[in-house]
């Protein structure tokens, strides 16, 4: 009986130890920001739609996806044309990074969430494209990227994350400034 209890206890302990923590998995890159405004939800949404044109709407391929006015939600997509600053003469890694913009208008506040960053390489490159895929907040997973080494993939990912973060933060500044300007005009 003791042996059976010991084996069951050992088996249970092994099961608990072998579970992976979901905190250890790579997290996708997400940029959040909030703008405080002395406006109602409807006014904030209207100001956000106007500010879109002067910020995210200026990006290549930018378009609003949701056209439902009055819901307090504005969703759009855009892209960032990428050129590597770390890997020279690498036509395959040139390409675009697409992303989603979700804007939630509330009374006195506008929350901005930029997510789903995905890199697609240059399809017309002689050796074919190098697609890094989703961008992560930390190091990318150890998945193989066809056409480049693991070290180059990590360096490209880091460079993409740095460039995208810098550009998105500038867009958020322009968006916030336009939102505040709209609040001052009302």
C-alpha atoms as a PDB file:
ATOM      1  CA  UNK A   1       0.000   0.000   0.000  1.00  0.00           C
ATOM      2  CA  UNK A   2       2.861   2.364   0.825  1.00  0.00           C
ATOM      3  CA  UNK A   3       4.507   1.659  -2.503  1.00  0.00           C
ATOM      4  CA  UNK A   4       1.275   2.397  -4.345  1.00  0.00           C
ATOM      5  CA  UNK A   5       0.794   5.692  -2.465  1.00  0.00           C
ATOM      6  CA  UNK A   6       4.415   6.652  -3.112  1.00  0.00           C
ATOM      7  CA  UNK A   7       4.081   5.901  -6.823  1.00  0.00           C
ATOM      8  CA  UNK A   8       0.860   7.903  -7.079  1.00  0.00           C
ATOM      9  CA  UNK A   9       2.434  10.829  -5.235  1.00  0.00           C
ATOM     10  CA  UNK A  10       5.521  10.661  -7.465  1.00  0.00           C
ATOM     11  CA  UNK A  11       3.373  10.460 -10.594  1.00  0.00           C
ATOM     12  CA  UNK A  12       1.319  13.492  -9.475  1.00  0.00           C
ATOM     13  CA  UNK A  13       4.475  15.480  -8.716  1.00  0.00           C
ATOM     14  CA  UNK A  14       5.912  14.710 -12.155  1.00  0.00           C
ATOM     15  CA  UNK A  15       2.692  15.894 -13.823  1.00  0.00           C
ATOM     16  CA  UNK A  16       2.768  19.188 -11.951  1.00  0.00           C
ATOM     17  CA  UNK A  17       6.448  19.791 -12.715  1.00  0.00           C
ATOM     18  CA  UNK A  18       6.100  19.130 -16.438  1.00  0.00           C
ATOM     19  CA  UNK A  19       3.491  21.805 -17.057  1.00  0.00           C
ATOM     20  CA  UNK A  20       4.729  24.851 -18.941  1.00  0.00           C
ATOM     21  CA  UNK A  21       3.960  28.284 -17.673  1.00  0.00           C
ATOM     22  CA  UNK A  22       2.008  30.482 -20.084  1.00  0.00           C
ATOM     23  CA  UNK A  23       4.108  33.408 -18.846  1.00  0.00           C
ATOM     24  CA  UNK A  24       7.190  31.860 -20.459  1.00  0.00           C
ATOM     25  CA  UNK A  25       5.761  31.992 -23.988  1.00  0.00           C
ATOM     26  CA  UNK A  26       6.641  34.938 -26.218  1.00  0.00           C
ATOM     27  CA  UNK A  27       4.065  37.749 -26.090  1.00  0.00           C
ATOM     28  CA  UNK A  28       3.063  39.595 -29.262  1.00  0.00           C
ATOM     29  CA  UNK A  29       4.081  43.244 -29.505  1.00  0.00           C
ATOM     30  CA  UNK A  30       1.241  45.521 -28.376  1.00  0.00           C
ATOM     31  CA  UNK A  31       1.447  49.283 -27.842  1.00  0.00           C
ATOM     32  CA  UNK A  32      -1.197  50.928 -25.641  1.00  0.00           C
ATOM     33  CA  UNK A  33      -1.830  54.596 -24.997  1.00  0.00           C
ATOM     34  CA  UNK A  34      -4.609  56.698 -23.504  1.00  0.00           C
ATOM     35  CA  UNK A  35      -5.559  60.325 -24.159  1.00  0.00           C
ATOM     36  CA  UNK A  36      -7.581  62.234 -21.564  1.00  0.00           C
ATOM     37  CA  UNK A  37     -10.075  64.723 -23.019  1.00  0.00           C
ATOM     38  CA  UNK A  38     -12.890  66.787 -21.491  1.00  0.00           C
ATOM     39  CA  UNK A  39     -15.420  65.438 -24.030  1.00  0.00           C
ATOM     40  CA  UNK A  40     -18.339  63.035 -24.147  1.00  0.00           C
ATOM     41  CA  UNK A  41     -17.973  59.626 -25.788  1.00  0.00           C
ATOM     42  CA  UNK A  42     -19.594  60.817 -29.027  1.00  0.00           C
ATOM     43  CA  UNK A  43     -17.300  63.854 -29.185  1.00  0.00           C
ATOM     44  CA  UNK A  44     -14.222  61.725 -28.447  1.00  0.00           C
ATOM     45  CA  UNK A  45     -15.181  59.293 -31.216  1.00  0.00           C
ATOM     46  CA  UNK A  46     -15.685  62.135 -33.695  1.00  0.00           C
ATOM     47  CA  UNK A  47     -12.339  63.662 -32.706  1.00  0.00           C
ATOM     48  CA  UNK A  48     -10.659  60.242 -33.095  1.00  0.00           C
ATOM     49  CA  UNK A  49     -12.052  59.803 -36.610  1.00  0.00           C
ATOM     50  CA  UNK A  50     -10.768  63.269 -37.526  1.00  0.00           C
ATOM     51  CA  UNK A  51      -7.355  62.645 -35.912  1.00  0.00           C
ATOM     52  CA  UNK A  52      -7.031  59.338 -37.799  1.00  0.00           C
ATOM     53  CA  UNK A  53      -6.730  61.225 -41.092  1.00  0.00           C
ATOM     54  CA  UNK A  54      -3.707  63.189 -39.875  1.00  0.00           C
ATOM     55  CA  UNK A  55      -1.854  60.357 -38.139  1.00  0.00           C
ATOM     56  CA  UNK A  56      -2.461  56.680 -38.887  1.00  0.00           C
ATOM     57  CA  UNK A  57      -4.411  57.574 -42.029  1.00  0.00           C
ATOM     58  CA  UNK A  58      -1.217  58.987 -43.566  1.00  0.00           C
ATOM     59  CA  UNK A  59       0.474  55.566 -43.483  1.00  0.00           C
ATOM     60  CA  UNK A  60       0.633  53.390 -46.621  1.00  0.00           C
ATOM     61  CA  UNK A  61      -2.436  51.205 -47.030  1.00  0.00           C
ATOM     62  CA  UNK A  62      -4.233  52.820 -44.101  1.00  0.00           C
ATOM     63  CA  UNK A  63      -7.973  52.404 -43.945  1.00  0.00           C
ATOM     64  CA  UNK A  64     -10.714  52.413 -41.378  1.00  0.00           C
ATOM     65  CA  UNK A  65     -12.253  48.978 -41.022  1.00  0.00           C
ATOM     66  CA  UNK A  66     -15.228  49.851 -38.841  1.00  0.00           C
ATOM     67  CA  UNK A  67     -17.573  52.502 -40.118  1.00  0.00           C
ATOM     68  CA  UNK A  68     -20.173  52.190 -37.346  1.00  0.00           C
ATOM     69  CA  UNK A  69     -20.421  55.698 -35.944  1.00  0.00           C
ATOM     70  CA  UNK A  70     -21.806  56.049 -32.440  1.00  0.00           C
ATOM     71  CA  UNK A  71     -20.389  52.791 -31.090  1.00  0.00           C
ATOM     72  CA  UNK A  72     -17.343  54.428 -29.503  1.00  0.00           C
ATOM     73  CA  UNK A  73     -15.057  52.091 -31.406  1.00  0.00           C
ATOM     74  CA  UNK A  74     -12.825  52.938 -34.357  1.00  0.00           C
ATOM     75  CA  UNK A  75     -10.796  50.136 -35.946  1.00  0.00           C
ATOM     76  CA  UNK A  76      -8.293  50.468 -38.734  1.00  0.00           C
ATOM     77  CA  UNK A  77      -5.312  48.875 -40.401  1.00  0.00           C
ATOM     78  CA  UNK A  78      -2.098  50.312 -41.804  1.00  0.00           C
ATOM     79  CA  UNK A  79       1.389  49.262 -42.730  1.00  0.00           C
ATOM     80  CA  UNK A  80       4.947  50.374 -42.233  1.00  0.00           C
ATOM     81  CA  UNK A  81       7.432  50.009 -45.101  1.00  0.00           C
ATOM     82  CA  UNK A  82      10.441  48.254 -43.595  1.00  0.00           C
ATOM     83  CA  UNK A  83      14.087  48.527 -44.600  1.00  0.00           C
ATOM     84  CA  UNK A  84      16.675  46.833 -42.413  1.00  0.00           C
ATOM     85  CA  UNK A  85      19.122  49.056 -40.583  1.00  0.00           C
ATOM     86  CA  UNK A  86      21.180  46.079 -39.390  1.00  0.00           C
ATOM     87  CA  UNK A  87      21.428  43.656 -42.316  1.00  0.00           C
ATOM     88  CA  UNK A  88      22.843  45.388 -45.389  1.00  0.00           C
ATOM     89  CA  UNK A  89      22.073  44.377 -48.987  1.00  0.00           C
ATOM     90  CA  UNK A  90      19.272  42.065 -47.915  1.00  0.00           C
ATOM     91  CA  UNK A  91      16.513  42.622 -50.476  1.00  0.00           C
ATOM     92  CA  UNK A  92      14.562  39.656 -49.152  1.00  0.00           C
ATOM     93  CA  UNK A  93      13.948  41.271 -45.768  1.00  0.00           C
ATOM     94  CA  UNK A  94      12.665  44.511 -47.268  1.00  0.00           C
ATOM     95  CA  UNK A  95       8.927  44.541 -47.114  1.00  0.00           C
ATOM     96  CA  UNK A  96       6.032  45.695 -45.029  1.00  0.00           C
ATOM     97  CA  UNK A  97       4.895  45.366 -41.454  1.00  0.00           C
ATOM     98  CA  UNK A  98       1.119  45.461 -41.192  1.00  0.00           C
ATOM     99  CA  UNK A  99      -0.668  46.326 -37.972  1.00  0.00           C
ATOM    100  CA  UNK A 100      -4.117  46.925 -36.503  1.00  0.00           C
ATOM    101  CA  UNK A 101      -5.241  50.046 -34.685  1.00  0.00           C
ATOM    102  CA  UNK A 102      -8.140  49.844 -32.224  1.00  0.00           C
ATOM    103  CA  UNK A 103      -9.439  53.077 -30.738  1.00  0.00           C
ATOM    104  CA  UNK A 104     -11.987  52.979 -27.930  1.00  0.00           C
ATOM    105  CA  UNK A 105     -13.771  56.263 -27.215  1.00  0.00           C
ATOM    106  CA  UNK A 106     -15.172  56.756 -23.721  1.00  0.00           C
ATOM    107  CA  UNK A 107     -16.400  59.706 -21.726  1.00  0.00           C
ATOM    108  CA  UNK A 108     -13.312  61.811 -21.088  1.00  0.00           C
ATOM    109  CA  UNK A 109     -10.858  59.314 -22.554  1.00  0.00           C
ATOM    110  CA  UNK A 110      -9.637  57.688 -25.748  1.00  0.00           C
ATOM    111  CA  UNK A 111      -7.731  54.407 -25.502  1.00  0.00           C
ATOM    112  CA  UNK A 112      -5.481  53.421 -28.410  1.00  0.00           C
ATOM    113  CA  UNK A 113      -4.227  49.869 -28.933  1.00  0.00           C
ATOM    114  CA  UNK A 114      -1.849  49.011 -31.762  1.00  0.00           C
ATOM    115  CA  UNK A 115      -1.302  45.291 -32.255  1.00  0.00           C
ATOM    116  CA  UNK A 116      -1.007  42.369 -34.698  1.00  0.00           C
ATOM    117  CA  UNK A 117       2.333  43.493 -36.139  1.00  0.00           C
ATOM    118  CA  UNK A 118       3.283  41.069 -38.938  1.00  0.00           C
ATOM    119  CA  UNK A 119       6.303  41.322 -41.266  1.00  0.00           C
ATOM    120  CA  UNK A 120       6.069  40.152 -44.867  1.00  0.00           C
ATOM    121  CA  UNK A 121       9.267  40.158 -46.928  1.00  0.00           C
ATOM    122  CA  UNK A 122       9.913  41.394 -50.455  1.00  0.00           C
ATOM    123  CA  UNK A 123       8.106  38.977 -52.779  1.00  0.00           C
ATOM    124  CA  UNK A 124      10.040  40.159 -55.825  1.00  0.00           C
ATOM    125  CA  UNK A 125      13.502  39.537 -54.325  1.00  0.00           C
ATOM    126  CA  UNK A 126      15.729  37.213 -56.379  1.00  0.00           C
ATOM    127  CA  UNK A 127      16.045  34.612 -53.607  1.00  0.00           C
ATOM    128  CA  UNK A 128      12.444  34.900 -52.478  1.00  0.00           C
ATOM    129  CA  UNK A 129      11.076  36.752 -49.469  1.00  0.00           C
ATOM    130  CA  UNK A 130      12.247  36.467 -45.892  1.00  0.00           C
ATOM    131  CA  UNK A 131       9.099  36.656 -43.765  1.00  0.00           C
ATOM    132  CA  UNK A 132       9.806  37.172 -40.073  1.00  0.00           C
ATOM    133  CA  UNK A 133       6.080  36.948 -39.304  1.00  0.00           C
ATOM    134  CA  UNK A 134       4.588  38.263 -36.047  1.00  0.00           C
ATOM    135  CA  UNK A 135       6.628  40.712 -33.976  1.00  0.00           C
ATOM    136  CA  UNK A 136       7.016  39.965 -30.275  1.00  0.00           C
ATOM    137  CA  UNK A 137       7.567  42.175 -27.233  1.00  0.00           C
ATOM    138  CA  UNK A 138      10.701  40.207 -26.343  1.00  0.00           C
ATOM    139  CA  UNK A 139      12.857  37.766 -28.270  1.00  0.00           C
ATOM    140  CA  UNK A 140      11.053  35.868 -30.990  1.00  0.00           C
ATOM    141  CA  UNK A 141      10.476  32.127 -30.616  1.00  0.00           C
ATOM    142  CA  UNK A 142      13.195  29.802 -31.856  1.00  0.00           C
ATOM    143  CA  UNK A 143      11.290  28.991 -35.039  1.00  0.00           C
ATOM    144  CA  UNK A 144      13.356  28.693 -38.195  1.00  0.00           C
ATOM    145  CA  UNK A 145      12.972  31.458 -40.780  1.00  0.00           C
ATOM    146  CA  UNK A 146      13.705  30.102 -44.272  1.00  0.00           C
ATOM    147  CA  UNK A 147      16.531  31.950 -46.001  1.00  0.00           C
ATOM    148  CA  UNK A 148      18.423  33.333 -42.974  1.00  0.00           C
ATOM    149  CA  UNK A 149      20.203  32.127 -39.871  1.00  0.00           C
ATOM    150  CA  UNK A 150      18.649  32.179 -36.405  1.00  0.00           C
ATOM    151  CA  UNK A 151      20.974  35.015 -35.321  1.00  0.00           C
ATOM    152  CA  UNK A 152      20.053  37.138 -38.342  1.00  0.00           C
ATOM    153  CA  UNK A 153      16.370  36.463 -37.691  1.00  0.00           C
ATOM    154  CA  UNK A 154      16.749  37.696 -34.097  1.00  0.00           C
ATOM    155  CA  UNK A 155      18.646  40.822 -35.239  1.00  0.00           C
ATOM    156  CA  UNK A 156      16.038  41.580 -37.910  1.00  0.00           C
ATOM    157  CA  UNK A 157      13.243  41.065 -35.382  1.00  0.00           C
ATOM    158  CA  UNK A 158      14.933  43.421 -32.906  1.00  0.00           C
ATOM    159  CA  UNK A 159      15.472  46.030 -35.632  1.00  0.00           C
ATOM    160  CA  UNK A 160      11.849  45.745 -36.795  1.00  0.00           C
ATOM    161  CA  UNK A 161      10.541  46.089 -33.258  1.00  0.00           C
ATOM    162  CA  UNK A 162      12.715  49.161 -32.657  1.00  0.00           C
ATOM    163  CA  UNK A 163      11.737  50.881 -35.914  1.00  0.00           C
ATOM    164  CA  UNK A 164       8.034  50.098 -35.570  1.00  0.00           C
ATOM    165  CA  UNK A 165       7.902  51.211 -31.928  1.00  0.00           C
ATOM    166  CA  UNK A 166       9.575  54.522 -32.776  1.00  0.00           C
ATOM    167  CA  UNK A 167       7.271  55.226 -35.706  1.00  0.00           C
ATOM    168  CA  UNK A 168       4.092  54.204 -33.868  1.00  0.00           C
ATOM    169  CA  UNK A 169       4.997  56.407 -30.903  1.00  0.00           C
ATOM    170  CA  UNK A 170       5.379  59.361 -33.281  1.00  0.00           C
ATOM    171  CA  UNK A 171       1.994  58.572 -34.836  1.00  0.00           C
ATOM    172  CA  UNK A 172       0.431  58.423 -31.379  1.00  0.00           C
ATOM    173  CA  UNK A 173       1.908  61.861 -30.592  1.00  0.00           C
ATOM    174  CA  UNK A 174       0.355  63.318 -33.754  1.00  0.00           C
ATOM    175  CA  UNK A 175      -2.940  61.534 -33.042  1.00  0.00           C
ATOM    176  CA  UNK A 176      -3.007  62.818 -29.441  1.00  0.00           C
ATOM    177  CA  UNK A 177      -2.173  66.362 -30.517  1.00  0.00           C
ATOM    178  CA  UNK A 178      -5.011  66.342 -33.058  1.00  0.00           C
ATOM    179  CA  UNK A 179      -7.393  64.951 -30.427  1.00  0.00           C
ATOM    180  CA  UNK A 180      -6.447  67.737 -27.990  1.00  0.00           C
ATOM    181  CA  UNK A 181      -6.795  70.328 -30.744  1.00  0.00           C
ATOM    182  CA  UNK A 182     -10.315  69.017 -31.472  1.00  0.00           C
ATOM    183  CA  UNK A 183     -11.156  69.243 -27.765  1.00  0.00           C
ATOM    184  CA  UNK A 184      -9.963  72.871 -27.649  1.00  0.00           C
ATOM    185  CA  UNK A 185     -12.116  73.745 -30.657  1.00  0.00           C
ATOM    186  CA  UNK A 186     -15.274  72.385 -29.019  1.00  0.00           C
END
